[in-house]
Amino acid sequence: MSSDRPGQGDDVLLRERHGAVLVALLNRPRKGNSLSHSLIAALDDLATDLARAAWDPDGARALVLAGAGGKAFSAGADVHDLDGVSAATAREQMRRGQQVFDRIEQLPMVVVAAVSGYAVGGGLELAMAADLRVASPTARFGQPEITLENLPGWGGTQRLPRLVGLGRAAELILTGELIDAQRAYEIGLVNRVEADPLQAAITLAAGIAARSAVAVAGAKRAMHAGLDGGLRAGLEVEADAVAACCETPAQRAAVQAFLNRRKADS
């Protein structure tokens, strides 16, 4: 495990390289890794750095998001930042968080959230901006904003129905109830439940990072194009992505290796 920058122990977001995988650790454990303005800004900087370095052979090829301290992935937005704010300021803060989470979701590499403890409110919204979620057996998930007479504002009303369906999303959003990791897995909010979610997430991300960067980026782009623009738009992007893969040496070598194995086995 190595740090990208020396002397970053006081940072709200720590970066650690594990081979091709970059682990970004939300580092406000005394505050439940709540998403303060400074942490949102750090996540934005992270997305900028990874978007620039995505095609660098020596750069990170996958991202794992995790929370420091083990008690919370993230307890959500820092409520102090919403205390007494005007409607205009609140809208600005929501659009800011939405834009940062969109940038993380749109990274051309796989993003995996490793969830220990609570992922609630904005913390769950950040986890849902990842492609995949790995949880500890004791993790808890929810959108409790309704209990503060409000609603999710960083993408929860949009990403949660896409992941678990409208009925289940409505129940979580409108009641504010929390669910455990097993229930999250059953409804499709979580991909895997593991005793060591961080290590499991790193292993999962590393396996995907070993695949073609062009294929991974194309698959993500096609899936989101269909969700955002409908079937026809998704199919168009899918065809273009396959065409791009067919021009890569890696794809041609993989096809030849497959055909040679079949020939040897016949």
C-alpha atoms as a PDB file:
ATOM      1  CA  MET A   1       0.000   0.000   0.000  1.00  0.00           C
ATOM      2  CA  SER A   2       1.468   3.350  -1.005  1.00  0.00           C
ATOM      3  CA  SER A   3       0.414   6.982  -0.647  1.00  0.00           C
ATOM      4  CA  ASP A   4       0.225   9.270  -3.686  1.00  0.00           C
ATOM      5  CA  ARG A   5       1.323  12.276  -1.652  1.00  0.00           C
ATOM      6  CA  PRO A   6       3.498  12.510   1.471  1.00  0.00           C
ATOM      7  CA  GLY A   7       2.170  14.158   4.587  1.00  0.00           C
ATOM      8  CA  GLN A   8      -1.482  13.790   3.674  1.00  0.00           C
ATOM      9  CA  GLY A   9      -2.628  12.457   7.034  1.00  0.00           C
ATOM     10  CA  ASP A  10      -4.722  15.568   7.723  1.00  0.00           C
ATOM     11  CA  ASP A  11      -6.482  15.450   4.362  1.00  0.00           C
ATOM     12  CA  VAL A  12     -10.212  14.791   4.206  1.00  0.00           C
ATOM     13  CA  LEU A  13      -9.592  12.346   1.348  1.00  0.00           C
ATOM     14  CA  LEU A  14      -6.623   9.974   1.365  1.00  0.00           C
ATOM     15  CA  ARG A  15      -5.322   8.241  -1.750  1.00  0.00           C
ATOM     16  CA  GLU A  16      -3.576   4.874  -1.680  1.00  0.00           C
ATOM     17  CA  ARG A  17      -2.367   2.871  -4.682  1.00  0.00           C
ATOM     18  CA  HIS A  18      -2.754  -0.914  -4.728  1.00  0.00           C
ATOM     19  CA  GLY A  19      -1.260  -1.829  -8.081  1.00  0.00           C
ATOM     20  CA  ALA A  20      -3.726  -0.704 -10.755  1.00  0.00           C
ATOM     21  CA  VAL A  21      -6.340   0.214  -8.132  1.00  0.00           C
ATOM     22  CA  LEU A  22      -6.560   3.594  -6.434  1.00  0.00           C
ATOM     23  CA  VAL A  23      -8.282   3.553  -3.045  1.00  0.00           C
ATOM     24  CA  ALA A  24      -9.825   6.880  -2.025  1.00  0.00           C
ATOM     25  CA  LEU A  25     -10.521   6.932   1.700  1.00  0.00           C
ATOM     26  CA  LEU A  26     -13.055   9.412   3.080  1.00  0.00           C
ATOM     27  CA  ASN A  27     -11.126  10.692   6.076  1.00  0.00           C
ATOM     28  CA  ARG A  28     -13.465  12.358   8.581  1.00  0.00           C
ATOM     29  CA  PRO A  29     -14.014   9.409  10.932  1.00  0.00           C
ATOM     30  CA  ARG A  30     -14.914  11.572  13.946  1.00  0.00           C
ATOM     31  CA  LYS A  31     -17.718  13.088  11.857  1.00  0.00           C
ATOM     32  CA  GLY A  32     -18.891   9.793  10.388  1.00  0.00           C
ATOM     33  CA  ASN A  33     -17.033  10.682   7.176  1.00  0.00           C
ATOM     34  CA  SER A  34     -19.759  13.219   6.503  1.00  0.00           C
ATOM     35  CA  LEU A  35     -19.533  14.994   3.187  1.00  0.00           C
ATOM     36  CA  SER A  36     -18.454  18.521   4.035  1.00  0.00           C
ATOM     37  CA  HIS A  37     -17.817  21.180   1.392  1.00  0.00           C
ATOM     38  CA  SER A  38     -14.093  20.400   1.593  1.00  0.00           C
ATOM     39  CA  LEU A  39     -14.654  16.662   1.096  1.00  0.00           C
ATOM     40  CA  ILE A  40     -16.946  17.278  -1.886  1.00  0.00           C
ATOM     41  CA  ALA A  41     -14.212  19.494  -3.354  1.00  0.00           C
ATOM     42  CA  ALA A  42     -11.629  16.760  -2.764  1.00  0.00           C
ATOM     43  CA  LEU A  43     -13.850  14.222  -4.552  1.00  0.00           C
ATOM     44  CA  ASP A  44     -14.147  16.654  -7.456  1.00  0.00           C
ATOM     45  CA  ASP A  45     -10.352  16.954  -7.609  1.00  0.00           C
ATOM     46  CA  LEU A  46     -10.109  13.166  -7.531  1.00  0.00           C
ATOM     47  CA  ALA A  47     -12.476  12.837 -10.484  1.00  0.00           C
ATOM     48  CA  THR A  48     -10.466  15.430 -12.416  1.00  0.00           C
ATOM     49  CA  ASP A  49      -7.185  13.622 -11.771  1.00  0.00           C
ATOM     50  CA  LEU A  50      -8.573  10.202 -12.704  1.00  0.00           C
ATOM     51  CA  ALA A  51     -10.288  11.445 -15.872  1.00  0.00           C
ATOM     52  CA  ARG A  52      -6.965  12.892 -17.036  1.00  0.00           C
ATOM     53  CA  ALA A  53      -4.930   9.802 -16.123  1.00  0.00           C
ATOM     54  CA  ALA A  54      -7.422   7.149 -17.232  1.00  0.00           C
ATOM     55  CA  TRP A  55      -5.493   6.174 -20.349  1.00  0.00           C
ATOM     56  CA  ASP A  56      -2.025   6.413 -18.814  1.00  0.00           C
ATOM     57  CA  PRO A  57      -0.491   2.899 -18.806  1.00  0.00           C
ATOM     58  CA  ASP A  58       1.120   3.690 -15.448  1.00  0.00           C
ATOM     59  CA  GLY A  59      -1.964   5.340 -13.999  1.00  0.00           C
ATOM     60  CA  ALA A  60      -4.781   3.898 -11.930  1.00  0.00           C
ATOM     61  CA  ARG A  61      -7.182   1.686 -13.872  1.00  0.00           C
ATOM     62  CA  ALA A  62      -9.848   1.339 -11.165  1.00  0.00           C
ATOM     63  CA  LEU A  63     -11.148   3.279  -8.173  1.00  0.00           C
ATOM     64  CA  VAL A  64     -12.324   2.001  -4.785  1.00  0.00           C
ATOM     65  CA  LEU A  65     -14.170   4.380  -2.472  1.00  0.00           C
ATOM     66  CA  ALA A  66     -14.126   3.611   1.265  1.00  0.00           C
ATOM     67  CA  GLY A  67     -14.546   5.315   4.626  1.00  0.00           C
ATOM     68  CA  ALA A  68     -11.929   5.661   7.354  1.00  0.00           C
ATOM     69  CA  GLY A  69     -12.530   4.302  10.845  1.00  0.00           C
ATOM     70  CA  GLY A  70     -14.789   1.356  10.025  1.00  0.00           C
ATOM     71  CA  LYS A  71     -17.929   2.808  11.611  1.00  0.00           C
ATOM     72  CA  ALA A  72     -19.234   4.586   8.535  1.00  0.00           C
ATOM     73  CA  PHE A  73     -18.645   4.673   4.825  1.00  0.00           C
ATOM     74  CA  SER A  74     -20.309   8.061   5.093  1.00  0.00           C
ATOM     75  CA  ALA A  75     -23.108   9.374   7.276  1.00  0.00           C
ATOM     76  CA  GLY A  76     -24.108  11.754   4.492  1.00  0.00           C
ATOM     77  CA  ALA A  77     -24.040  15.498   4.094  1.00  0.00           C
ATOM     78  CA  ASP A  78     -22.689  17.553   6.954  1.00  0.00           C
ATOM     79  CA  VAL A  79     -25.990  18.800   8.416  1.00  0.00           C
ATOM     80  CA  HIS A  80     -24.257  21.954   9.680  1.00  0.00           C
ATOM     81  CA  ASP A  81     -23.860  22.978   6.034  1.00  0.00           C
ATOM     82  CA  LEU A  82     -27.659  22.963   5.643  1.00  0.00           C
ATOM     83  CA  ASP A  83     -28.550  24.732   8.880  1.00  0.00           C
ATOM     84  CA  GLY A  84     -30.511  27.881   8.100  1.00  0.00           C
ATOM     85  CA  VAL A  85     -29.462  28.101   4.444  1.00  0.00           C
ATOM     86  CA  SER A  86     -31.632  29.900   1.915  1.00  0.00           C
ATOM     87  CA  ALA A  87     -33.431  28.076  -0.876  1.00  0.00           C
ATOM     88  CA  ALA A  88     -30.952  29.463  -3.407  1.00  0.00           C
ATOM     89  CA  THR A  89     -27.954  28.301  -1.374  1.00  0.00           C
ATOM     90  CA  ALA A  90     -29.486  24.869  -0.796  1.00  0.00           C
ATOM     91  CA  ARG A  91     -30.124  24.441  -4.512  1.00  0.00           C
ATOM     92  CA  GLU A  92     -26.554  25.461  -5.280  1.00  0.00           C
ATOM     93  CA  GLN A  93     -25.213  22.926  -2.776  1.00  0.00           C
ATOM     94  CA  MET A  94     -27.387  20.163  -4.222  1.00  0.00           C
ATOM     95  CA  ARG A  95     -26.344  20.893  -7.790  1.00  0.00           C
ATOM     96  CA  ARG A  96     -22.691  20.928  -6.710  1.00  0.00           C
ATOM     97  CA  GLY A  97     -22.920  17.493  -5.108  1.00  0.00           C
ATOM     98  CA  GLN A  98     -24.912  16.119  -8.042  1.00  0.00           C
ATOM     99  CA  GLN A  99     -22.281  17.303 -10.496  1.00  0.00           C
ATOM    100  CA  VAL A 100     -19.409  15.772  -8.506  1.00  0.00           C
ATOM    101  CA  PHE A 101     -21.189  12.432  -8.137  1.00  0.00           C
ATOM    102  CA  ASP A 102     -22.004  12.483 -11.859  1.00  0.00           C
ATOM    103  CA  ARG A 103     -18.308  12.951 -12.633  1.00  0.00           C
ATOM    104  CA  ILE A 104     -17.421   9.943 -10.460  1.00  0.00           C
ATOM    105  CA  GLU A 105     -20.119   7.838 -12.122  1.00  0.00           C
ATOM    106  CA  GLN A 106     -18.890   8.843 -15.589  1.00  0.00           C
ATOM    107  CA  LEU A 107     -15.238   7.939 -15.011  1.00  0.00           C
ATOM    108  CA  PRO A 108     -14.045   5.589 -17.790  1.00  0.00           C
ATOM    109  CA  MET A 109     -12.860   3.033 -15.211  1.00  0.00           C
ATOM    110  CA  VAL A 110     -14.684   0.782 -12.807  1.00  0.00           C
ATOM    111  CA  VAL A 111     -15.616   2.413  -9.488  1.00  0.00           C
ATOM    112  CA  VAL A 112     -16.348   0.166  -6.492  1.00  0.00           C
ATOM    113  CA  ALA A 113     -17.707   1.352  -3.133  1.00  0.00           C
ATOM    114  CA  ALA A 114     -16.470  -0.636  -0.117  1.00  0.00           C
ATOM    115  CA  VAL A 115     -19.060  -0.056   2.595  1.00  0.00           C
ATOM    116  CA  SER A 116     -18.388  -0.680   6.276  1.00  0.00           C
ATOM    117  CA  GLY A 117     -20.867   0.709   8.792  1.00  0.00           C
ATOM    118  CA  TYR A 118     -23.352   3.348   7.718  1.00  0.00           C
ATOM    119  CA  ALA A 119     -23.927   4.522   4.151  1.00  0.00           C
ATOM    120  CA  VAL A 120     -26.856   6.865   4.619  1.00  0.00           C
ATOM    121  CA  GLY A 121     -28.140  10.036   3.031  1.00  0.00           C
ATOM    122  CA  GLY A 122     -25.446  11.559   0.861  1.00  0.00           C
ATOM    123  CA  GLY A 123     -23.188   8.645   1.788  1.00  0.00           C
ATOM    124  CA  LEU A 124     -25.549   6.211   0.094  1.00  0.00           C
ATOM    125  CA  GLU A 125     -25.872   8.591  -2.834  1.00  0.00           C
ATOM    126  CA  LEU A 126     -22.083   8.551  -3.236  1.00  0.00           C
ATOM    127  CA  ALA A 127     -22.020   4.749  -3.023  1.00  0.00           C
ATOM    128  CA  MET A 128     -24.719   4.581  -5.701  1.00  0.00           C
ATOM    129  CA  ALA A 129     -22.556   6.710  -8.017  1.00  0.00           C
ATOM    130  CA  ALA A 130     -20.123   3.767  -8.023  1.00  0.00           C
ATOM    131  CA  ASP A 131     -20.587   0.930 -10.508  1.00  0.00           C
ATOM    132  CA  LEU A 132     -20.498  -1.774  -7.834  1.00  0.00           C
ATOM    133  CA  ARG A 133     -20.979  -1.945  -4.068  1.00  0.00           C
ATOM    134  CA  VAL A 134     -19.367  -4.405  -1.628  1.00  0.00           C
ATOM    135  CA  ALA A 135     -20.655  -4.300   1.954  1.00  0.00           C
ATOM    136  CA  SER A 136     -19.686  -5.684   5.334  1.00  0.00           C
ATOM    137  CA  PRO A 137     -22.323  -7.870   7.043  1.00  0.00           C
ATOM    138  CA  THR A 138     -22.915  -5.078   9.580  1.00  0.00           C
ATOM    139  CA  ALA A 139     -23.360  -2.280   7.028  1.00  0.00           C
ATOM    140  CA  ARG A 140     -26.537  -0.208   7.081  1.00  0.00           C
ATOM    141  CA  PHE A 141     -28.119   1.706   4.219  1.00  0.00           C
ATOM    142  CA  GLY A 142     -30.839   4.314   3.880  1.00  0.00           C
ATOM    143  CA  GLN A 143     -32.098   7.704   2.774  1.00  0.00           C
ATOM    144  CA  PRO A 144     -33.293   9.224   6.063  1.00  0.00           C
ATOM    145  CA  GLU A 145     -33.688  12.793   4.763  1.00  0.00           C
ATOM    146  CA  ILE A 146     -37.479  12.603   5.153  1.00  0.00           C
ATOM    147  CA  THR A 147     -36.988  12.451   8.932  1.00  0.00           C
ATOM    148  CA  LEU A 148     -35.468  15.939   8.667  1.00  0.00           C
ATOM    149  CA  GLU A 149     -38.491  17.044   6.613  1.00  0.00           C
ATOM    150  CA  ASN A 150     -36.481  16.946   3.389  1.00  0.00           C
ATOM    151  CA  LEU A 151     -35.552  14.541   0.595  1.00  0.00           C
ATOM    152  CA  PRO A 152     -32.375  13.158  -1.000  1.00  0.00           C
ATOM    153  CA  GLY A 153     -30.686  15.853  -3.065  1.00  0.00           C
ATOM    154  CA  TRP A 154     -27.497  14.298  -4.443  1.00  0.00           C
ATOM    155  CA  GLY A 155     -29.082  11.836  -6.835  1.00  0.00           C
ATOM    156  CA  GLY A 156     -30.912   9.511  -4.454  1.00  0.00           C
ATOM    157  CA  THR A 157     -34.331  10.010  -6.041  1.00  0.00           C
ATOM    158  CA  GLN A 158     -32.842   9.035  -9.404  1.00  0.00           C
ATOM    159  CA  ARG A 159     -30.205   6.362  -8.794  1.00  0.00           C
ATOM    160  CA  LEU A 160     -32.049   4.400  -6.108  1.00  0.00           C
ATOM    161  CA  PRO A 161     -35.081   3.583  -8.333  1.00  0.00           C
ATOM    162  CA  ARG A 162     -32.709   2.593 -11.140  1.00  0.00           C
ATOM    163  CA  LEU A 163     -30.953   0.139  -8.835  1.00  0.00           C
ATOM    164  CA  VAL A 164     -33.807  -1.389  -6.831  1.00  0.00           C
ATOM    165  CA  GLY A 165     -37.009  -0.420  -8.649  1.00  0.00           C
ATOM    166  CA  LEU A 166     -39.490   2.351  -7.973  1.00  0.00           C
ATOM    167  CA  GLY A 167     -41.520   0.603  -5.256  1.00  0.00           C
ATOM    168  CA  ARG A 168     -38.570  -0.339  -3.072  1.00  0.00           C
ATOM    169  CA  ALA A 169     -36.925   3.056  -3.625  1.00  0.00           C
ATOM    170  CA  ALA A 170     -40.149   4.843  -2.663  1.00  0.00           C
ATOM    171  CA  GLU A 171     -40.353   2.837   0.556  1.00  0.00           C
ATOM    172  CA  LEU A 172     -36.804   3.752   1.563  1.00  0.00           C
ATOM    173  CA  ILE A 173     -37.072   7.411   0.558  1.00  0.00           C
ATOM    174  CA  LEU A 174     -40.560   8.070   1.960  1.00  0.00           C
ATOM    175  CA  THR A 175     -40.098   6.236   5.274  1.00  0.00           C
ATOM    176  CA  GLY A 176     -36.443   7.059   5.927  1.00  0.00           C
ATOM    177  CA  GLU A 177     -35.941   3.539   7.288  1.00  0.00           C
ATOM    178  CA  LEU A 178     -32.533   1.871   7.251  1.00  0.00           C
ATOM    179  CA  ILE A 179     -31.879  -1.624   5.931  1.00  0.00           C
ATOM    180  CA  ASP A 180     -29.087  -4.066   6.697  1.00  0.00           C
ATOM    181  CA  ALA A 181     -26.550  -5.500   4.265  1.00  0.00           C
ATOM    182  CA  GLN A 182     -28.459  -8.725   3.637  1.00  0.00           C
ATOM    183  CA  ARG A 183     -31.616  -6.843   2.682  1.00  0.00           C
ATOM    184  CA  ALA A 184     -29.569  -4.460   0.534  1.00  0.00           C
ATOM    185  CA  TYR A 185     -28.133  -7.483  -1.257  1.00  0.00           C
ATOM    186  CA  GLU A 186     -31.567  -9.058  -1.723  1.00  0.00           C
ATOM    187  CA  ILE A 187     -32.994  -5.970  -3.431  1.00  0.00           C
ATOM    188  CA  GLY A 188     -29.939  -5.360  -5.617  1.00  0.00           C
ATOM    189  CA  LEU A 189     -28.543  -2.321  -3.869  1.00  0.00           C
ATOM    190  CA  VAL A 190     -25.389  -4.243  -2.940  1.00  0.00           C
ATOM    191  CA  ASN A 191     -23.501  -6.610  -5.241  1.00  0.00           C
ATOM    192  CA  ARG A 192     -21.628  -8.593  -2.591  1.00  0.00           C
ATOM    193  CA  VAL A 193     -21.502  -8.964   1.189  1.00  0.00           C
ATOM    194  CA  GLU A 194     -17.992  -9.732   2.447  1.00  0.00           C
ATOM    195  CA  ALA A 195     -16.308  -9.923   5.854  1.00  0.00           C
ATOM    196  CA  ASP A 196     -13.533  -7.618   4.581  1.00  0.00           C
ATOM    197  CA  PRO A 197     -15.297  -5.344   2.091  1.00  0.00           C
ATOM    198  CA  LEU A 198     -12.263  -3.172   1.352  1.00  0.00           C
ATOM    199  CA  GLN A 199     -10.023  -6.071   0.390  1.00  0.00           C
ATOM    200  CA  ALA A 200     -12.876  -7.705  -1.538  1.00  0.00           C
ATOM    201  CA  ALA A 201     -13.503  -4.441  -3.377  1.00  0.00           C
ATOM    202  CA  ILE A 202      -9.813  -4.072  -4.251  1.00  0.00           C
ATOM    203  CA  THR A 203      -9.696  -7.648  -5.565  1.00  0.00           C
ATOM    204  CA  LEU A 204     -12.870  -7.119  -7.600  1.00  0.00           C
ATOM    205  CA  ALA A 205     -11.614  -3.811  -9.007  1.00  0.00           C
ATOM    206  CA  ALA A 206      -8.192  -5.262  -9.841  1.00  0.00           C
ATOM    207  CA  GLY A 207      -9.781  -8.091 -11.823  1.00  0.00           C
ATOM    208  CA  ILE A 208     -11.775  -5.607 -13.895  1.00  0.00           C
ATOM    209  CA  ALA A 209      -8.759  -3.302 -14.258  1.00  0.00           C
ATOM    210  CA  ALA A 210      -6.886  -6.181 -15.895  1.00  0.00           C
ATOM    211  CA  ARG A 211      -9.388  -6.112 -18.782  1.00  0.00           C
ATOM    212  CA  SER A 212      -9.257  -3.770 -21.752  1.00  0.00           C
ATOM    213  CA  ALA A 213      -9.631  -0.144 -20.667  1.00  0.00           C
ATOM    214  CA  VAL A 214     -11.404   0.545 -23.957  1.00  0.00           C
ATOM    215  CA  ALA A 215     -13.911  -2.254 -23.304  1.00  0.00           C
ATOM    216  CA  VAL A 216     -14.576  -1.239 -19.699  1.00  0.00           C
ATOM    217  CA  ALA A 217     -15.080   2.416 -20.627  1.00  0.00           C
ATOM    218  CA  GLY A 218     -17.276   1.446 -23.592  1.00  0.00           C
ATOM    219  CA  ALA A 219     -19.452  -0.880 -21.528  1.00  0.00           C
ATOM    220  CA  LYS A 220     -20.018   1.818 -18.891  1.00  0.00           C
ATOM    221  CA  ARG A 221     -20.778   4.430 -21.529  1.00  0.00           C
ATOM    222  CA  ALA A 222     -23.277   2.163 -23.301  1.00  0.00           C
ATOM    223  CA  MET A 223     -25.115   1.167 -20.119  1.00  0.00           C
ATOM    224  CA  HIS A 224     -25.551   4.756 -19.023  1.00  0.00           C
ATOM    225  CA  ALA A 225     -26.542   5.902 -22.514  1.00  0.00           C
ATOM    226  CA  GLY A 226     -29.428   3.443 -22.457  1.00  0.00           C
ATOM    227  CA  LEU A 227     -30.525   4.428 -18.965  1.00  0.00           C
ATOM    228  CA  ASP A 228     -30.396   8.141 -19.761  1.00  0.00           C
ATOM    229  CA  GLY A 229     -31.542   8.186 -23.381  1.00  0.00           C
ATOM    230  CA  GLY A 230     -33.517   4.988 -23.873  1.00  0.00           C
ATOM    231  CA  LEU A 231     -32.967   1.725 -25.746  1.00  0.00           C
ATOM    232  CA  ARG A 232     -32.176   3.185 -29.177  1.00  0.00           C
ATOM    233  CA  ALA A 233     -29.598   5.608 -27.835  1.00  0.00           C
ATOM    234  CA  GLY A 234     -27.995   2.825 -25.805  1.00  0.00           C
ATOM    235  CA  LEU A 235     -27.817   0.469 -28.780  1.00  0.00           C
ATOM    236  CA  GLU A 236     -26.108   3.135 -30.887  1.00  0.00           C
ATOM    237  CA  VAL A 237     -23.431   3.735 -28.257  1.00  0.00           C
ATOM    238  CA  GLU A 238     -23.057  -0.024 -27.752  1.00  0.00           C
ATOM    239  CA  ALA A 239     -22.355  -0.583 -31.460  1.00  0.00           C
ATOM    240  CA  ASP A 240     -19.802   2.242 -31.521  1.00  0.00           C
ATOM    241  CA  ALA A 241     -18.083   0.838 -28.418  1.00  0.00           C
ATOM    242  CA  VAL A 242     -17.801  -2.639 -29.919  1.00  0.00           C
ATOM    243  CA  ALA A 243     -16.361  -1.126 -33.102  1.00  0.00           C
ATOM    244  CA  ALA A 244     -13.757   0.744 -31.064  1.00  0.00           C
ATOM    245  CA  CYS A 245     -12.759  -2.451 -29.244  1.00  0.00           C
ATOM    246  CA  CYS A 246     -12.299  -4.303 -32.531  1.00  0.00           C
ATOM    247  CA  GLU A 247      -9.550  -1.873 -33.504  1.00  0.00           C
ATOM    248  CA  THR A 248      -7.461  -2.534 -30.401  1.00  0.00           C
ATOM    249  CA  PRO A 249      -4.479  -4.920 -30.446  1.00  0.00           C
ATOM    250  CA  ALA A 250      -5.682  -6.410 -27.152  1.00  0.00           C
ATOM    251  CA  GLN A 251      -9.031  -7.464 -28.622  1.00  0.00           C
ATOM    252  CA  ARG A 252      -7.445  -8.929 -31.745  1.00  0.00           C
ATOM    253  CA  ALA A 253      -4.933 -10.869 -29.656  1.00  0.00           C
ATOM    254  CA  ALA A 254      -7.696 -12.195 -27.372  1.00  0.00           C
ATOM    255  CA  VAL A 255      -9.753 -13.414 -30.337  1.00  0.00           C
ATOM    256  CA  GLN A 256      -6.752 -15.138 -31.902  1.00  0.00           C
ATOM    257  CA  ALA A 257      -5.845 -16.793 -28.594  1.00  0.00           C
ATOM    258  CA  PHE A 258      -9.421 -18.057 -28.240  1.00  0.00           C
ATOM    259  CA  LEU A 259      -9.472 -19.432 -31.784  1.00  0.00           C
ATOM    260  CA  ASN A 260      -6.086 -21.105 -31.320  1.00  0.00           C
ATOM    261  CA  ARG A 261      -7.283 -22.800 -28.123  1.00  0.00           C
ATOM    262  CA  ARG A 262     -10.376 -24.093 -29.901  1.00  0.00           C
ATOM    263  CA  LYS A 263      -8.229 -25.378 -32.750  1.00  0.00           C
ATOM    264  CA  ALA A 264      -5.875 -27.125 -30.325  1.00  0.00           C
ATOM    265  CA  ASP A 265      -8.799 -28.724 -28.472  1.00  0.00           C
ATOM    266  CA  SER A 266     -10.528 -29.996 -31.622  1.00  0.00           C
END
